Amino acid sequence: MEQCVKCGARIDSDSKYCDECGTPVVNGKTISCAYCETENRADAKFCKGCGIPLVAMPGVETPLIKEDEIKTSVSMVKVPGGSFMMGNGESDAPKHKVQINDFYIGATCVTQSLWKTLTGVNPSEYQGENLPVDCVSWYDAIVFCNLLSKRDRLMPCYIINGSKNPARWGCVPDGRDAKWDSVVCDWKANGYRLPTEAEWEYAAAGGTGGEGFRFSGGNEIMELGWYNGNSEGKAHDVAAKAPNRLGIFDMTGSVWEWCWDWYDALYYNVCPESNPTGPVDQSYRIRRGGSIFDRSHFCGISCRFYYDPQMACLNYGIRVCRSSAPL
């Protein structure tokens, strides 16, 4: 007979709950952390080994962390859920209706200051604490998201070979890598992740009712973002241009922003209406928004581009998001 870790009552070895106080029982008396694998008390909310929240195990109601208990270090904007017409019906076609749940997205791109604080290095070609980080590959981006989640005591989203701990993934590849390409996103986790292509376009438009604009925040690109017509070929501080209607900066120009999705030219023909997360197992990952080197056309809200996930170019950056509720 086991003893309940909370009230001390005896419990049968096959019990999932204490019949005196209702405390869940996992592996006899503990919960294993999905990030660092430390064994914790069954009633613990946070891991004693790494500090991140403990998520529910199959068949067991583990204590959950309420949204108002979460304190993060990144300025995030809540994007109210709704529907919009994705695509432009021309080059990015067909135009199609998409429904998006509430989510949070970074008010700005990730800055070099935040990237260096978290990783200890600054890969950027253009150096400056308040400049957007650049020279970031898609592989770099998913590592950063999980590290930032851990620092803010959130449950990381990305899983490679069964682990959410990037230290167990090995070195970030500088070429295509089948193991890294098989990464899975835990859509139920509350940590940071890359936005889906649909979430990105919805946020750039300003949510429901904003998709009529050509750029994020309006139709006058000079006021909204840095592109080849005003950047002078150099990076500029984040949030130096006007935000869109939700208070989100720099989704027009500055740096290309990686999204979660694989690219498929025909995906718009078959994508689901509700919270699409992209096709499965293609060759390239989506990037959105244009950059300081691009013409205005490529900085449009609906413009789709893609590249190899291992490539870290001097105009490639990252903007993080978080789910408000499981997708």
Protein backbone atom coordinates (compact mmCIF):
# COMPACT_ATOMS: atom_id res chain seq x y z
CA MET A 1 0.00 0.00 0.00
CA GLU A 2 1.20 3.51 -0.89
CA GLN A 3 0.64 6.66 1.16
CA CYS A 4 -0.94 9.82 -0.23
CA VAL A 5 1.69 12.57 -0.45
CA LYS A 6 -0.88 15.18 0.63
CA CYS A 7 -3.00 13.70 3.43
CA GLY A 8 -1.09 10.55 4.32
CA ALA A 9 -4.02 8.21 3.72
CA ARG A 10 -3.30 4.74 2.38
CA ILE A 11 -3.91 4.27 -1.34
CA ASP A 12 -4.06 1.15 -3.47
CA SER A 13 -1.20 0.64 -5.93
CA ASP A 14 -3.55 0.89 -8.93
CA SER A 15 -5.36 4.05 -7.73
CA LYS A 16 -5.32 7.22 -9.82
CA TYR A 17 -6.67 9.36 -6.96
CA CYS A 18 -6.55 9.33 -3.16
CA ASP A 19 -10.02 8.30 -1.96
CA GLU A 20 -9.70 10.63 1.07
CA CYS A 21 -8.64 13.96 -0.51
CA GLY A 22 -8.76 13.39 -4.28
CA THR A 23 -5.07 14.11 -4.91
CA PRO A 24 -3.95 12.60 -8.25
CA VAL A 25 -1.44 9.78 -8.16
CA VAL A 26 1.04 9.30 -11.00
CA ASN A 27 3.64 6.50 -11.06
CA GLY A 28 2.61 5.70 -7.49
CA LYS A 29 3.18 9.14 -6.02
CA THR A 30 4.96 11.52 -8.41
CA ILE A 31 4.67 13.48 -11.66
CA SER A 32 7.57 13.41 -14.13
CA CYS A 33 8.47 16.79 -15.67
CA ALA A 34 8.21 16.76 -19.49
CA TYR A 35 11.17 19.16 -19.75
CA CYS A 36 13.86 17.96 -17.32
CA GLU A 37 12.33 14.59 -16.26
CA THR A 38 12.56 15.42 -12.53
CA GLU A 39 10.08 13.49 -10.38
CA ASN A 40 7.73 15.82 -8.46
CA ARG A 41 5.00 15.50 -5.85
CA ALA A 42 1.66 14.58 -7.37
CA ASP A 43 0.07 17.84 -6.15
CA ALA A 44 2.92 20.09 -7.35
CA LYS A 45 2.12 22.91 -9.76
CA PHE A 46 5.72 23.63 -10.76
CA CYS A 47 8.72 21.36 -11.29
CA LYS A 48 11.26 21.48 -8.47
CA GLY A 49 14.04 20.78 -10.97
CA CYS A 50 13.48 23.50 -13.57
CA GLY A 51 10.51 25.56 -12.40
CA ILE A 52 8.17 25.13 -15.35
CA PRO A 53 4.48 24.20 -14.86
CA LEU A 54 3.60 20.53 -14.68
CA VAL A 55 1.09 19.55 -17.35
CA ALA A 56 -1.64 16.97 -17.01
CA MET A 57 -0.67 13.34 -17.46
CA PRO A 58 -3.03 11.02 -19.38
CA GLY A 59 -6.05 10.15 -17.26
CA VAL A 60 -4.97 12.37 -14.35
CA GLU A 61 -6.19 15.85 -13.42
CA THR A 62 -2.98 17.66 -12.52
CA PRO A 63 -3.35 21.18 -11.04
CA LEU A 64 -3.38 23.74 -13.87
CA ILE A 65 -1.89 27.24 -13.89
CA LYS A 66 -4.41 30.03 -14.43
CA GLU A 67 -3.69 32.64 -17.11
CA ASP A 68 -3.61 35.49 -14.58
CA GLU A 69 -0.89 33.65 -12.62
CA ILE A 70 1.47 33.71 -15.60
CA LYS A 71 4.04 36.53 -15.60
CA THR A 72 6.12 36.82 -18.76
CA SER A 73 9.17 38.87 -19.71
CA VAL A 74 8.05 39.65 -23.26
CA SER A 75 5.62 42.40 -24.26
CA MET A 76 2.69 40.50 -25.75
CA VAL A 77 -0.49 41.74 -27.43
CA LYS A 78 -3.71 39.76 -27.15
CA VAL A 79 -5.23 39.08 -30.57
CA PRO A 80 -8.98 38.45 -30.16
CA GLY A 81 -10.18 35.47 -32.14
CA GLY A 82 -12.37 35.81 -35.19
CA SER A 83 -12.59 35.11 -38.88
CA PHE A 84 -10.97 36.79 -41.88
CA MET A 85 -10.34 36.25 -45.57
CA MET A 86 -6.78 34.97 -45.96
CA GLY A 87 -4.80 35.54 -49.16
CA ASN A 88 -5.30 38.16 -51.85
CA GLY A 89 -6.99 36.21 -54.63
CA GLU A 90 -4.12 36.99 -57.02
CA SER A 91 -0.61 35.62 -56.48
CA ASP A 92 -1.48 34.37 -52.98
CA ALA A 93 -4.63 32.52 -53.92
CA PRO A 94 -7.26 31.44 -53.50
CA LYS A 95 -8.68 33.86 -51.00
CA HIS A 96 -10.35 31.76 -48.32
CA LYS A 97 -12.10 32.14 -44.97
CA VAL A 98 -10.15 31.23 -41.84
CA GLN A 99 -11.27 31.15 -38.20
CA ILE A 100 -8.61 31.91 -35.56
CA ASN A 101 -8.78 31.41 -31.78
CA ASP A 102 -7.60 34.07 -29.33
CA PHE A 103 -3.81 34.14 -29.00
CA TYR A 104 -0.97 36.41 -27.91
CA ILE A 105 1.78 37.74 -30.16
CA GLY A 106 4.91 39.78 -29.52
CA ALA A 107 4.36 43.53 -29.80
CA THR A 108 7.71 43.61 -31.62
CA CYS A 109 10.16 41.19 -33.14
CA VAL A 110 12.60 39.61 -30.71
CA THR A 111 15.37 42.12 -30.03
CA GLN A 112 19.08 41.42 -29.99
CA SER A 113 19.12 42.29 -26.28
CA LEU A 114 16.59 39.56 -25.43
CA TRP A 115 18.23 37.00 -27.71
CA LYS A 116 21.69 37.58 -26.23
CA THR A 117 20.38 37.61 -22.65
CA LEU A 118 18.82 34.20 -23.19
CA THR A 119 21.37 32.47 -25.42
CA GLY A 120 24.61 34.26 -24.54
CA VAL A 121 25.35 35.08 -28.19
CA ASN A 122 24.23 37.64 -30.76
CA PRO A 123 24.30 36.26 -34.31
CA SER A 124 23.15 39.52 -35.92
CA GLU A 125 24.91 41.22 -38.80
CA TYR A 126 23.62 44.62 -37.67
CA GLN A 127 24.47 45.13 -34.01
CA GLY A 128 22.32 47.07 -31.54
CA GLU A 129 20.41 46.11 -28.38
CA ASN A 130 17.06 47.40 -29.63
CA LEU A 131 17.48 46.20 -33.20
CA PRO A 132 15.62 43.05 -34.26
CA VAL A 133 17.80 39.96 -34.03
CA ASP A 134 18.80 38.72 -37.48
CA CYS A 135 20.76 35.82 -38.98
CA VAL A 136 18.34 33.43 -37.27
CA SER A 137 17.40 30.09 -38.85
CA TRP A 138 14.08 28.32 -38.32
CA TYR A 139 15.94 25.72 -36.27
CA ASP A 140 17.43 28.51 -34.11
CA ALA A 141 13.95 29.94 -33.64
CA ILE A 142 12.36 26.81 -32.16
CA VAL A 143 15.27 26.41 -29.72
CA PHE A 144 14.85 30.02 -28.62
CA CYS A 145 11.11 29.56 -28.09
CA ASN A 146 11.62 26.61 -25.74
CA LEU A 147 14.41 28.36 -23.83
CA LEU A 148 12.27 31.47 -23.38
CA SER A 149 9.34 29.34 -22.20
CA LYS A 150 11.53 27.69 -19.58
CA ARG A 151 12.86 31.04 -18.36
CA ASP A 152 9.33 32.37 -17.93
CA ARG A 153 8.17 29.14 -16.26
CA LEU A 154 5.85 28.19 -19.10
CA MET A 155 5.43 24.77 -20.67
CA PRO A 156 7.60 24.61 -23.84
CA CYS A 157 5.84 23.80 -27.11
CA TYR A 158 8.40 22.04 -29.28
CA ILE A 159 9.30 18.35 -29.01
CA ILE A 160 12.15 16.52 -30.77
CA ASN A 161 12.72 12.81 -30.09
CA GLY A 162 10.25 12.94 -27.21
CA SER A 163 11.99 15.81 -25.37
CA LYS A 164 11.11 19.47 -24.86
CA ASN A 165 14.62 20.25 -23.63
CA PRO A 166 16.81 21.69 -26.45
CA ALA A 167 19.91 20.50 -24.58
CA ARG A 168 18.84 16.97 -25.51
CA TRP A 169 18.38 17.78 -29.20
CA GLY A 170 22.06 18.21 -30.04
CA CYS A 171 23.69 21.09 -31.90
CA VAL A 172 21.53 23.25 -34.15
CA PRO A 173 22.07 21.86 -37.67
CA ASP A 174 23.68 24.01 -40.36
CA GLY A 175 22.19 21.73 -43.03
CA ARG A 176 18.91 19.91 -43.50
CA ASP A 177 18.29 17.45 -40.69
CA ALA A 178 15.56 14.80 -40.65
CA LYS A 179 15.42 14.68 -36.84
CA TRP A 180 14.90 18.41 -36.53
CA ASP A 181 12.43 18.44 -39.41
CA SER A 182 10.31 15.93 -37.48
CA VAL A 183 9.75 18.41 -34.63
CA VAL A 184 6.24 18.30 -33.13
CA CYS A 185 4.37 21.27 -31.67
CA ASP A 186 2.41 20.70 -28.46
CA TRP A 187 -0.53 22.97 -29.20
CA LYS A 188 -1.85 22.51 -25.65
CA ALA A 189 1.28 24.01 -24.06
CA ASN A 190 1.17 27.61 -22.82
CA GLY A 191 4.75 28.49 -23.79
CA TYR A 192 6.19 30.52 -26.62
CA ARG A 193 6.13 29.31 -30.20
CA LEU A 194 6.23 30.61 -33.75
CA PRO A 195 2.90 31.83 -35.09
CA THR A 196 1.18 29.75 -37.71
CA GLU A 197 1.01 31.38 -41.12
CA ALA A 198 -2.70 32.06 -40.57
CA GLU A 199 -2.11 33.58 -37.12
CA TRP A 200 0.63 35.78 -38.53
CA GLU A 201 -1.53 37.16 -41.34
CA TYR A 202 -4.51 37.63 -39.01
CA ALA A 203 -2.39 39.57 -36.49
CA ALA A 204 -0.76 41.63 -39.24
CA ALA A 205 -4.19 42.57 -40.56
CA GLY A 206 -5.24 43.69 -37.10
CA GLY A 207 -7.74 40.92 -36.52
CA THR A 208 -11.29 40.73 -37.83
CA GLY A 209 -12.12 43.66 -40.10
CA GLY A 210 -8.55 44.69 -40.83
CA GLU A 211 -7.76 42.56 -43.87
CA GLY A 212 -8.64 45.37 -46.30
CA PHE A 213 -5.27 47.02 -45.71
CA ARG A 214 -2.33 46.29 -47.97
CA PHE A 215 0.20 46.59 -45.12
CA SER A 216 0.03 46.00 -41.38
CA GLY A 217 -1.72 49.12 -40.11
CA GLY A 218 -2.74 50.79 -43.35
CA ASN A 219 -1.84 51.40 -46.96
CA GLU A 220 1.07 53.89 -46.57
CA ILE A 221 4.20 51.81 -46.11
CA MET A 222 6.49 54.76 -45.33
CA GLU A 223 4.67 55.27 -42.02
CA LEU A 224 4.44 51.60 -41.11
CA GLY A 225 7.70 49.80 -41.79
CA TRP A 226 11.28 49.69 -43.00
CA TYR A 227 11.73 48.46 -46.57
CA ASN A 228 14.12 49.17 -49.43
CA GLY A 229 12.48 52.54 -50.08
CA ASN A 230 13.36 54.06 -46.70
CA SER A 231 15.74 51.78 -44.77
CA GLU A 232 18.98 52.91 -46.48
CA GLY A 233 19.94 49.25 -46.42
CA LYS A 234 20.39 49.06 -42.65
CA ALA A 235 18.45 47.80 -39.63
CA HIS A 236 16.40 50.12 -37.41
CA ASP A 237 15.19 49.91 -33.82
CA VAL A 238 11.96 48.02 -33.22
CA ALA A 239 8.74 50.02 -32.72
CA ALA A 240 10.10 53.10 -34.53
CA LYS A 241 7.21 53.09 -37.01
CA ALA A 242 3.45 53.21 -36.39
CA PRO A 243 1.72 50.09 -35.00
CA ASN A 244 -1.34 48.44 -36.47
CA ARG A 245 -4.83 48.68 -34.95
CA LEU A 246 -3.95 46.07 -32.27
CA GLY A 247 -0.73 47.79 -31.18
CA ILE A 248 1.64 45.43 -33.01
CA PHE A 249 4.77 46.94 -34.57
CA ASP A 250 6.94 46.12 -37.58
CA MET A 251 4.90 43.40 -39.27
CA THR A 252 5.64 45.31 -42.47
CA GLY A 253 9.31 45.15 -43.45
CA SER A 254 12.29 45.21 -41.02
CA VAL A 255 13.08 41.45 -40.94
CA TRP A 256 11.38 38.43 -42.46
CA GLU A 257 9.60 36.53 -39.67
CA TRP A 258 9.62 32.74 -39.51
CA CYS A 259 6.26 30.97 -39.14
CA TRP A 260 5.58 27.40 -38.02
CA ASP A 261 4.15 26.11 -41.30
CA TRP A 262 5.75 24.15 -44.07
CA TYR A 263 5.21 25.77 -47.47
CA ASP A 264 2.95 24.20 -50.09
CA ALA A 265 1.85 26.31 -53.06
CA LEU A 266 -1.47 24.44 -53.19
CA TYR A 267 -2.24 24.42 -49.46
CA TYR A 268 -4.75 27.28 -49.69
CA ASN A 269 -6.94 25.00 -51.80
CA VAL A 270 -7.29 22.40 -49.06
CA CYS A 271 -6.51 24.06 -45.72
CA PRO A 272 -9.11 23.69 -42.94
CA GLU A 273 -11.15 26.74 -42.02
CA SER A 274 -10.48 26.53 -38.28
CA ASN A 275 -6.96 27.26 -36.97
CA PRO A 276 -4.93 25.80 -39.85
CA THR A 277 -1.39 24.76 -38.92
CA GLY A 278 -0.02 24.08 -42.39
CA PRO A 279 0.77 21.02 -44.49
CA VAL A 280 2.85 18.06 -43.36
CA ASP A 281 6.46 17.35 -44.30
CA GLN A 282 7.38 19.68 -47.15
CA SER A 283 10.77 21.18 -48.06
CA TYR A 284 10.62 24.79 -46.88
CA ARG A 285 9.27 26.78 -43.93
CA ILE A 286 7.15 29.91 -44.31
CA ARG A 287 8.51 33.40 -43.70
CA ARG A 288 6.38 36.54 -43.73
CA GLY A 289 6.50 40.34 -43.68
CA GLY A 290 9.34 41.41 -45.94
CA SER A 291 12.51 43.20 -44.87
CA ILE A 292 14.72 46.26 -45.17
CA PHE A 293 15.99 44.97 -48.53
CA ASP A 294 12.62 44.24 -50.14
CA ARG A 295 10.24 46.15 -52.38
CA SER A 296 6.86 47.10 -50.96
CA HIS A 297 5.11 44.23 -52.76
CA PHE A 298 6.96 41.66 -50.65
CA CYS A 299 6.03 43.49 -47.43
CA GLY A 300 2.29 43.08 -47.97
CA ILE A 301 0.10 41.35 -45.39
CA SER A 302 -0.78 38.42 -47.65
CA CYS A 303 2.57 37.92 -49.39
CA ARG A 304 3.96 34.39 -48.87
CA PHE A 305 7.63 33.45 -48.99
CA TYR A 306 9.60 30.45 -47.81
CA TYR A 307 13.14 29.17 -47.32
CA ASP A 308 15.19 26.26 -46.04
CA PRO A 309 14.83 25.90 -42.25
CA GLN A 310 18.61 25.75 -41.70
CA MET A 311 19.28 29.07 -43.46
CA ALA A 312 20.14 32.06 -41.26
CA CYS A 313 20.20 35.17 -43.44
CA LEU A 314 20.93 38.72 -42.33
CA ASN A 315 17.30 39.78 -42.79
CA TYR A 316 15.66 36.79 -41.06
CA GLY A 317 14.27 37.32 -37.56
CA ILE A 318 11.60 35.99 -35.22
CA ARG A 319 8.42 37.09 -33.47
CA VAL A 320 7.00 34.81 -30.78
CA CYS A 321 3.40 34.04 -29.92
CA ARG A 322 1.49 32.05 -27.29
CA SER A 323 -1.81 30.21 -27.36
CA SER A 324 -4.59 31.64 -25.20
CA ALA A 325 -6.23 28.19 -25.14
CA PRO A 326 -5.32 24.86 -26.75
CA LEU A 327 -5.82 24.80 -30.52
